[in-house]
Amino acid sequence: MIWFVATIAAVRPETPSARTLVLTVPGWPGHEAGQHVDVRLTAPDGYSAVRSYSIASAPDGDRVEITVDTVADGEVSTYLTGLAAVGYPLEIRGPIGGWFVWRPNQWEPVQLIAGGSGIVPLMAMIRVWAASGSQAPLRLLYSVRGPDSIFYRDELERLRDTTAVSVTYVFTRDAPPGWERPPGRLDAAFLRHRTWPARRRPTLYVCGPTSFVEAVADFATGAGHDPARVRTERFGPSSESD
């Protein structure tokens, strides 16, 4: 797989610690919702570091968007969220992945479940769903620390107001006053109550930290979902793909 030389065309803040980089990638072959890219940074002395980041955007010619959250002491994420600017070059390789993807020809209900920055590849799915005019019923369950940690907040609110997308937030540390559920981790009972029932035979896409993904997968199968319909993407503490 070849490396492309991309150029940062725009930068958008998402949260106090995360931002989206809009890249122009000459020769980009296109991608599917749920795939990711490798990003390589090379220092003047030849040292290089490679990290994987999910693609946030729907296919759009030679433009690719990634959303990066700062990882403490991260070699790559701190550069991308703090120093990289419009006009800077980046090396990327991809698209990568074929299992954790959603395609517009899928007709079954779609259940997206995100933990923190695990929303990024799921947002690509939502954007492709919206752009394609898909009639597949779609729901998003999004677990975040607090309102300030929500990625793509304005866009999600617009989608919830203007389309059939159902968006449910779980706040683990700081919930708005009067919120329907006190702060706390997602549990099996809430997941069962606010996601598609197993009898609808949805495909579930779950992305987030390893512990979150494993817990959600267990909750889902415990609620009767077919394990073959539970697709997962996870990242661990040593990865900057979050």
C-alpha atoms as a PDB file:
ATOM      1  CA  MET A   1       0.000   0.000   0.000  1.00  0.00           C
ATOM      2  CA  ILE A   2       1.435   3.330  -1.036  1.00  0.00           C
ATOM      3  CA  TRP A   3       1.863   6.511   0.992  1.00  0.00           C
ATOM      4  CA  PHE A   4       0.091   9.644  -0.239  1.00  0.00           C
ATOM      5  CA  VAL A   5       1.292  13.167   0.431  1.00  0.00           C
ATOM      6  CA  ALA A   6      -1.727  15.045   1.763  1.00  0.00           C
ATOM      7  CA  THR A   7      -2.076  18.756   2.441  1.00  0.00           C
ATOM      8  CA  ILE A   8      -4.091  20.200   5.314  1.00  0.00           C
ATOM      9  CA  ALA A   9      -6.818  22.269   3.662  1.00  0.00           C
ATOM     10  CA  ALA A  10      -8.786  23.278   6.759  1.00  0.00           C
ATOM     11  CA  VAL A  11      -8.882  22.790  10.510  1.00  0.00           C
ATOM     12  CA  ARG A  12     -12.019  22.730  12.689  1.00  0.00           C
ATOM     13  CA  PRO A  13     -12.155  22.525  16.489  1.00  0.00           C
ATOM     14  CA  GLU A  14     -14.468  19.824  17.842  1.00  0.00           C
ATOM     15  CA  THR A  15     -13.826  19.898  21.603  1.00  0.00           C
ATOM     16  CA  PRO A  16     -11.213  21.618  23.801  1.00  0.00           C
ATOM     17  CA  SER A  17      -8.849  18.702  23.102  1.00  0.00           C
ATOM     18  CA  ALA A  18      -9.852  17.559  19.608  1.00  0.00           C
ATOM     19  CA  ARG A  19      -9.989  18.950  16.116  1.00  0.00           C
ATOM     20  CA  THR A  20     -10.822  17.833  12.622  1.00  0.00           C
ATOM     21  CA  LEU A  21      -8.241  18.058   9.855  1.00  0.00           C
ATOM     22  CA  VAL A  22      -9.556  18.347   6.311  1.00  0.00           C
ATOM     23  CA  LEU A  23      -6.968  16.855   3.959  1.00  0.00           C
ATOM     24  CA  THR A  24      -6.542  17.143   0.227  1.00  0.00           C
ATOM     25  CA  VAL A  25      -5.051  13.884  -1.022  1.00  0.00           C
ATOM     26  CA  PRO A  26      -4.117  13.842  -4.733  1.00  0.00           C
ATOM     27  CA  GLY A  27      -4.726  10.378  -6.173  1.00  0.00           C
ATOM     28  CA  TRP A  28      -6.953   9.273  -3.296  1.00  0.00           C
ATOM     29  CA  PRO A  29      -8.791   6.084  -4.398  1.00  0.00           C
ATOM     30  CA  GLY A  30     -11.872   6.685  -2.264  1.00  0.00           C
ATOM     31  CA  HIS A  31     -13.019   5.009   0.936  1.00  0.00           C
ATOM     32  CA  GLU A  32     -15.982   3.444   2.703  1.00  0.00           C
ATOM     33  CA  ALA A  33     -17.598   4.545   5.931  1.00  0.00           C
ATOM     34  CA  GLY A  34     -15.774   2.932   8.838  1.00  0.00           C
ATOM     35  CA  GLN A  35     -12.308   2.670   7.302  1.00  0.00           C
ATOM     36  CA  HIS A  36      -9.181   4.339   8.644  1.00  0.00           C
ATOM     37  CA  VAL A  37      -5.811   5.661   7.545  1.00  0.00           C
ATOM     38  CA  ASP A  38      -2.276   5.548   8.857  1.00  0.00           C
ATOM     39  CA  VAL A  39      -0.601   8.911   9.381  1.00  0.00           C
ATOM     40  CA  ARG A  40       3.196   9.102   9.331  1.00  0.00           C
ATOM     41  CA  LEU A  41       5.274  11.955  10.714  1.00  0.00           C
ATOM     42  CA  THR A  42       9.003  12.050   9.988  1.00  0.00           C
ATOM     43  CA  ALA A  43      11.512  14.184  11.906  1.00  0.00           C
ATOM     44  CA  PRO A  44      14.534  15.873  10.277  1.00  0.00           C
ATOM     45  CA  ASP A  45      16.790  13.182  11.740  1.00  0.00           C
ATOM     46  CA  GLY A  46      14.792  10.461   9.969  1.00  0.00           C
ATOM     47  CA  TYR A  47      12.849   9.228  12.990  1.00  0.00           C
ATOM     48  CA  SER A  48       9.239   8.491  12.067  1.00  0.00           C
ATOM     49  CA  ALA A  49       6.069   7.676  13.971  1.00  0.00           C
ATOM     50  CA  VAL A  50       2.918   6.125  12.533  1.00  0.00           C
ATOM     51  CA  ARG A  51      -0.554   6.195  14.082  1.00  0.00           C
ATOM     52  CA  SER A  52      -3.961   5.086  12.828  1.00  0.00           C
ATOM     53  CA  TYR A  53      -6.928   7.447  12.656  1.00  0.00           C
ATOM     54  CA  SER A  54     -10.471   6.736  11.576  1.00  0.00           C
ATOM     55  CA  ILE A  55     -11.884   8.617   8.602  1.00  0.00           C
ATOM     56  CA  ALA A  56     -14.697  10.932   9.662  1.00  0.00           C
ATOM     57  CA  SER A  57     -15.957  12.027   6.260  1.00  0.00           C
ATOM     58  CA  ALA A  58     -18.126  10.563   3.550  1.00  0.00           C
ATOM     59  CA  PRO A  59     -16.309   9.986   0.235  1.00  0.00           C
ATOM     60  CA  ASP A  60     -15.700  13.329  -1.487  1.00  0.00           C
ATOM     61  CA  GLY A  61     -13.177  13.085  -4.289  1.00  0.00           C
ATOM     62  CA  ASP A  62      -9.675  13.774  -3.027  1.00  0.00           C
ATOM     63  CA  ARG A  63     -10.781  15.197   0.338  1.00  0.00           C
ATOM     64  CA  VAL A  64     -10.477  13.161   3.523  1.00  0.00           C
ATOM     65  CA  GLU A  65     -11.278  14.243   7.082  1.00  0.00           C
ATOM     66  CA  ILE A  66      -9.818  12.835  10.264  1.00  0.00           C
ATOM     67  CA  THR A  67     -10.686  13.931  13.787  1.00  0.00           C
ATOM     68  CA  VAL A  68      -7.874  13.692  16.316  1.00  0.00           C
ATOM     69  CA  ASP A  69      -8.153  13.844  20.104  1.00  0.00           C
ATOM     70  CA  THR A  70      -5.070  14.769  22.102  1.00  0.00           C
ATOM     71  CA  VAL A  71      -3.433  11.840  23.841  1.00  0.00           C
ATOM     72  CA  ALA A  72      -1.231  12.767  26.800  1.00  0.00           C
ATOM     73  CA  ASP A  73       2.417  12.595  25.708  1.00  0.00           C
ATOM     74  CA  GLY A  74       1.304  11.412  22.262  1.00  0.00           C
ATOM     75  CA  GLU A  75       3.966  11.954  19.627  1.00  0.00           C
ATOM     76  CA  VAL A  76       1.528  12.283  16.749  1.00  0.00           C
ATOM     77  CA  SER A  77      -1.734  13.481  18.301  1.00  0.00           C
ATOM     78  CA  THR A  78      -0.132  16.452  20.068  1.00  0.00           C
ATOM     79  CA  TYR A  79       1.349  17.607  16.759  1.00  0.00           C
ATOM     80  CA  LEU A  80      -1.908  17.178  14.855  1.00  0.00           C
ATOM     81  CA  THR A  81      -4.034  18.936  17.476  1.00  0.00           C
ATOM     82  CA  GLY A  82      -1.554  21.635  18.453  1.00  0.00           C
ATOM     83  CA  LEU A  83       0.944  22.454  15.724  1.00  0.00           C
ATOM     84  CA  ALA A  84      -0.286  21.259  12.331  1.00  0.00           C
ATOM     85  CA  ALA A  85      -1.826  24.096  10.313  1.00  0.00           C
ATOM     86  CA  VAL A  86      -3.409  24.788   6.942  1.00  0.00           C
ATOM     87  CA  GLY A  87      -0.901  24.162   4.175  1.00  0.00           C
ATOM     88  CA  TYR A  88       1.166  21.638   6.132  1.00  0.00           C
ATOM     89  CA  PRO A  89       1.880  18.294   4.425  1.00  0.00           C
ATOM     90  CA  LEU A  90       1.091  14.909   5.947  1.00  0.00           C
ATOM     91  CA  GLU A  91       1.832  11.390   4.764  1.00  0.00           C
ATOM     92  CA  ILE A  92      -1.161   9.063   4.859  1.00  0.00           C
ATOM     93  CA  ARG A  93      -1.741   5.473   3.807  1.00  0.00           C
ATOM     94  CA  GLY A  94      -5.090   3.899   3.157  1.00  0.00           C
ATOM     95  CA  PRO A  95      -7.940   3.345   3.131  1.00  0.00           C
ATOM     96  CA  ILE A  96      -7.596   0.418   5.534  1.00  0.00           C
ATOM     97  CA  GLY A  97     -10.236  -2.024   6.756  1.00  0.00           C
ATOM     98  CA  GLY A  98     -13.167  -3.897   5.266  1.00  0.00           C
ATOM     99  CA  TRP A  99     -15.105  -5.498   8.128  1.00  0.00           C
ATOM    100  CA  PHE A 100     -16.080  -2.462  10.182  1.00  0.00           C
ATOM    101  CA  VAL A 101     -17.853  -0.654   7.352  1.00  0.00           C
ATOM    102  CA  TRP A 102     -21.419   0.375   6.575  1.00  0.00           C
ATOM    103  CA  ARG A 103     -22.648   0.500   2.979  1.00  0.00           C
ATOM    104  CA  PRO A 104     -25.764   2.233   1.634  1.00  0.00           C
ATOM    105  CA  ASN A 105     -27.085  -1.034   0.197  1.00  0.00           C
ATOM    106  CA  GLN A 106     -27.595  -2.421   3.704  1.00  0.00           C
ATOM    107  CA  TRP A 107     -31.309  -2.372   4.442  1.00  0.00           C
ATOM    108  CA  GLU A 108     -31.410  -3.614   8.045  1.00  0.00           C
ATOM    109  CA  PRO A 109     -31.671  -1.263  11.065  1.00  0.00           C
ATOM    110  CA  VAL A 110     -28.352   0.278  12.061  1.00  0.00           C
ATOM    111  CA  GLN A 111     -27.329   0.706  15.690  1.00  0.00           C
ATOM    112  CA  LEU A 112     -24.239   2.821  16.270  1.00  0.00           C
ATOM    113  CA  ILE A 113     -22.703   2.808  19.754  1.00  0.00           C
ATOM    114  CA  ALA A 114     -19.752   5.107  20.465  1.00  0.00           C
ATOM    115  CA  GLY A 115     -17.529   5.628  23.464  1.00  0.00           C
ATOM    116  CA  GLY A 116     -15.715   8.986  23.461  1.00  0.00           C
ATOM    117  CA  SER A 117     -13.745   9.571  20.279  1.00  0.00           C
ATOM    118  CA  GLY A 118     -15.033   6.232  18.999  1.00  0.00           C
ATOM    119  CA  ILE A 119     -17.713   8.360  17.365  1.00  0.00           C
ATOM    120  CA  VAL A 120     -15.345   9.230  14.482  1.00  0.00           C
ATOM    121  CA  PRO A 121     -15.880   6.234  12.133  1.00  0.00           C
ATOM    122  CA  LEU A 122     -19.540   6.126  13.133  1.00  0.00           C
ATOM    123  CA  MET A 123     -19.884   9.756  12.057  1.00  0.00           C
ATOM    124  CA  ALA A 124     -18.638   8.738   8.623  1.00  0.00           C
ATOM    125  CA  MET A 125     -21.429   6.149   8.565  1.00  0.00           C
ATOM    126  CA  ILE A 126     -24.016   8.747   9.552  1.00  0.00           C
ATOM    127  CA  ARG A 127     -22.779  11.128   6.862  1.00  0.00           C
ATOM    128  CA  VAL A 128     -22.880   8.454   4.180  1.00  0.00           C
ATOM    129  CA  TRP A 129     -26.340   7.400   5.388  1.00  0.00           C
ATOM    130  CA  ALA A 130     -27.590  10.982   5.107  1.00  0.00           C
ATOM    131  CA  ALA A 131     -25.923  11.666   1.744  1.00  0.00           C
ATOM    132  CA  SER A 132     -27.233   8.450   0.178  1.00  0.00           C
ATOM    133  CA  GLY A 133     -30.841   8.959   1.238  1.00  0.00           C
ATOM    134  CA  SER A 134     -30.794   5.527   2.857  1.00  0.00           C
ATOM    135  CA  GLN A 135     -34.083   4.295   4.275  1.00  0.00           C
ATOM    136  CA  ALA A 136     -32.355   2.024   6.791  1.00  0.00           C
ATOM    137  CA  PRO A 137     -33.504   3.018  10.303  1.00  0.00           C
ATOM    138  CA  LEU A 138     -30.526   4.430  12.214  1.00  0.00           C
ATOM    139  CA  ARG A 139     -29.878   5.080  15.881  1.00  0.00           C
ATOM    140  CA  LEU A 140     -26.824   6.419  17.713  1.00  0.00           C
ATOM    141  CA  LEU A 141     -26.008   5.822  21.374  1.00  0.00           C
ATOM    142  CA  TYR A 142     -23.077   8.046  22.332  1.00  0.00           C
ATOM    143  CA  SER A 143     -21.264   7.765  25.677  1.00  0.00           C
ATOM    144  CA  VAL A 144     -19.113  10.775  26.621  1.00  0.00           C
ATOM    145  CA  ARG A 145     -17.721  12.357  29.775  1.00  0.00           C
ATOM    146  CA  GLY A 146     -19.837  15.505  29.492  1.00  0.00           C
ATOM    147  CA  PRO A 147     -21.423  17.942  27.042  1.00  0.00           C
ATOM    148  CA  ASP A 148     -18.072  19.614  26.300  1.00  0.00           C
ATOM    149  CA  SER A 149     -16.690  16.270  25.112  1.00  0.00           C
ATOM    150  CA  ILE A 150     -19.237  15.714  22.332  1.00  0.00           C
ATOM    151  CA  PHE A 151     -17.684  15.570  18.862  1.00  0.00           C
ATOM    152  CA  TYR A 152     -19.749  17.020  15.973  1.00  0.00           C
ATOM    153  CA  ARG A 153     -22.333  18.313  18.410  1.00  0.00           C
ATOM    154  CA  ASP A 154     -24.006  20.886  16.166  1.00  0.00           C
ATOM    155  CA  GLU A 155     -24.158  18.489  13.234  1.00  0.00           C
ATOM    156  CA  LEU A 156     -25.667  15.726  15.348  1.00  0.00           C
ATOM    157  CA  GLU A 157     -28.297  18.104  16.679  1.00  0.00           C
ATOM    158  CA  ARG A 158     -29.214  19.216  13.152  1.00  0.00           C
ATOM    159  CA  LEU A 159     -29.520  15.611  12.030  1.00  0.00           C
ATOM    160  CA  ARG A 160     -31.701  14.775  14.998  1.00  0.00           C
ATOM    161  CA  ASP A 161     -33.949  17.738  14.215  1.00  0.00           C
ATOM    162  CA  THR A 162     -34.210  17.255  10.441  1.00  0.00           C
ATOM    163  CA  THR A 163     -33.884  13.511   9.788  1.00  0.00           C
ATOM    164  CA  ALA A 164     -34.945  10.207  11.297  1.00  0.00           C
ATOM    165  CA  VAL A 165     -31.656   9.780  13.163  1.00  0.00           C
ATOM    166  CA  SER A 166     -32.187   8.991  16.843  1.00  0.00           C
ATOM    167  CA  VAL A 167     -29.348  10.320  19.028  1.00  0.00           C
ATOM    168  CA  THR A 168     -29.067   9.350  22.700  1.00  0.00           C
ATOM    169  CA  TYR A 169     -26.281  10.608  24.959  1.00  0.00           C
ATOM    170  CA  VAL A 170     -24.886   8.877  28.029  1.00  0.00           C
ATOM    171  CA  PHE A 171     -22.867  11.257  30.198  1.00  0.00           C
ATOM    172  CA  THR A 172     -20.419   9.427  32.412  1.00  0.00           C
ATOM    173  CA  ARG A 173     -19.088  12.294  34.562  1.00  0.00           C
ATOM    174  CA  ASP A 174     -20.996  15.532  33.993  1.00  0.00           C
ATOM    175  CA  ALA A 175     -24.619  15.571  32.877  1.00  0.00           C
ATOM    176  CA  PRO A 176     -26.628  18.728  32.139  1.00  0.00           C
ATOM    177  CA  PRO A 177     -29.102  19.802  34.838  1.00  0.00           C
ATOM    178  CA  GLY A 178     -32.276  17.773  34.677  1.00  0.00           C
ATOM    179  CA  TRP A 179     -30.844  15.183  32.322  1.00  0.00           C
ATOM    180  CA  GLU A 180     -32.844  11.967  32.049  1.00  0.00           C
ATOM    181  CA  ARG A 181     -30.083   9.878  33.597  1.00  0.00           C
ATOM    182  CA  PRO A 182     -27.545  10.764  36.301  1.00  0.00           C
ATOM    183  CA  PRO A 183     -23.858  10.602  35.315  1.00  0.00           C
ATOM    184  CA  GLY A 184     -22.551   7.068  35.095  1.00  0.00           C
ATOM    185  CA  ARG A 185     -21.288   4.424  32.744  1.00  0.00           C
ATOM    186  CA  LEU A 186     -23.493   2.822  30.148  1.00  0.00           C
ATOM    187  CA  ASP A 187     -25.098  -0.310  31.568  1.00  0.00           C
ATOM    188  CA  ALA A 188     -26.967  -3.276  30.150  1.00  0.00           C
ATOM    189  CA  ALA A 189     -30.395  -2.016  31.179  1.00  0.00           C
ATOM    190  CA  PHE A 190     -30.008   1.382  29.500  1.00  0.00           C
ATOM    191  CA  LEU A 191     -28.559  -0.182  26.367  1.00  0.00           C
ATOM    192  CA  ARG A 192     -31.474  -2.572  26.124  1.00  0.00           C
ATOM    193  CA  HIS A 193     -33.951   0.281  26.626  1.00  0.00           C
ATOM    194  CA  ARG A 194     -32.447   2.773  24.135  1.00  0.00           C
ATOM    195  CA  THR A 195     -31.240   0.614  21.236  1.00  0.00           C
ATOM    196  CA  TRP A 196     -32.911  -1.511  18.579  1.00  0.00           C
ATOM    197  CA  PRO A 197     -34.297  -4.750  20.034  1.00  0.00           C
ATOM    198  CA  ALA A 198     -32.718  -8.001  18.895  1.00  0.00           C
ATOM    199  CA  ARG A 199     -35.973  -9.042  17.169  1.00  0.00           C
ATOM    200  CA  ARG A 200     -35.383  -6.254  14.592  1.00  0.00           C
ATOM    201  CA  ARG A 201     -32.071  -7.941  13.671  1.00  0.00           C
ATOM    202  CA  PRO A 202     -30.031  -4.736  13.470  1.00  0.00           C
ATOM    203  CA  THR A 203     -26.343  -4.565  12.673  1.00  0.00           C
ATOM    204  CA  LEU A 204     -24.493  -3.000  15.585  1.00  0.00           C
ATOM    205  CA  TYR A 205     -21.303  -0.974  15.134  1.00  0.00           C
ATOM    206  CA  VAL A 206     -19.455  -0.385  18.395  1.00  0.00           C
ATOM    207  CA  CYS A 207     -16.323   1.768  18.651  1.00  0.00           C
ATOM    208  CA  GLY A 208     -14.385   3.111  21.618  1.00  0.00           C
ATOM    209  CA  PRO A 209     -11.828   2.118  24.237  1.00  0.00           C
ATOM    210  CA  THR A 210     -11.263  -1.610  24.591  1.00  0.00           C
ATOM    211  CA  SER A 211     -13.028  -1.919  27.963  1.00  0.00           C
ATOM    212  CA  PHE A 212     -16.067  -0.020  26.659  1.00  0.00           C
ATOM    213  CA  VAL A 213     -16.327  -2.089  23.487  1.00  0.00           C
ATOM    214  CA  GLU A 214     -16.006  -5.391  25.356  1.00  0.00           C
ATOM    215  CA  ALA A 215     -18.680  -4.372  27.865  1.00  0.00           C
ATOM    216  CA  VAL A 216     -21.094  -3.210  25.150  1.00  0.00           C
ATOM    217  CA  ALA A 217     -20.570  -6.386  23.122  1.00  0.00           C
ATOM    218  CA  ASP A 218     -21.396  -8.427  26.215  1.00  0.00           C
ATOM    219  CA  PHE A 219     -24.497  -6.315  26.908  1.00  0.00           C
ATOM    220  CA  ALA A 220     -25.657  -6.718  23.315  1.00  0.00           C
ATOM    221  CA  THR A 221     -25.275 -10.475  23.159  1.00  0.00           C
ATOM    222  CA  GLY A 222     -26.856 -10.708  26.592  1.00  0.00           C
ATOM    223  CA  ALA A 223     -29.849  -8.852  25.175  1.00  0.00           C
ATOM    224  CA  GLY A 224     -30.185 -11.488  22.460  1.00  0.00           C
ATOM    225  CA  HIS A 225     -28.311  -9.880  19.570  1.00  0.00           C
ATOM    226  CA  ASP A 226     -26.590 -12.224  17.150  1.00  0.00           C
ATOM    227  CA  PRO A 227     -22.817 -11.972  17.803  1.00  0.00           C
ATOM    228  CA  ALA A 228     -22.268 -12.075  14.035  1.00  0.00           C
ATOM    229  CA  ARG A 229     -24.169  -8.772  13.775  1.00  0.00           C
ATOM    230  CA  VAL A 230     -22.077  -7.014  16.423  1.00  0.00           C
ATOM    231  CA  ARG A 231     -19.131  -5.374  14.682  1.00  0.00           C
ATOM    232  CA  THR A 232     -16.482  -3.783  16.865  1.00  0.00           C
ATOM    233  CA  GLU A 233     -13.541  -1.429  16.529  1.00  0.00           C
ATOM    234  CA  ARG A 234     -11.451  -0.682  19.592  1.00  0.00           C
ATOM    235  CA  PHE A 235      -8.376   1.147  20.747  1.00  0.00           C
ATOM    236  CA  GLY A 236      -6.199   0.617  23.799  1.00  0.00           C
ATOM    237  CA  PRO A 237      -4.219   2.971  26.062  1.00  0.00           C
ATOM    238  CA  SER A 238      -1.055   2.551  23.975  1.00  0.00           C
ATOM    239  CA  SER A 239      -2.794   3.659  20.779  1.00  0.00           C
ATOM    240  CA  GLU A 240      -3.295   7.149  19.443  1.00  0.00           C
ATOM    241  CA  SER A 241      -6.167   6.034  17.233  1.00  0.00           C
ATOM    242  CA  ASP A 242      -8.582   7.488  19.794  1.00  0.00           C
END
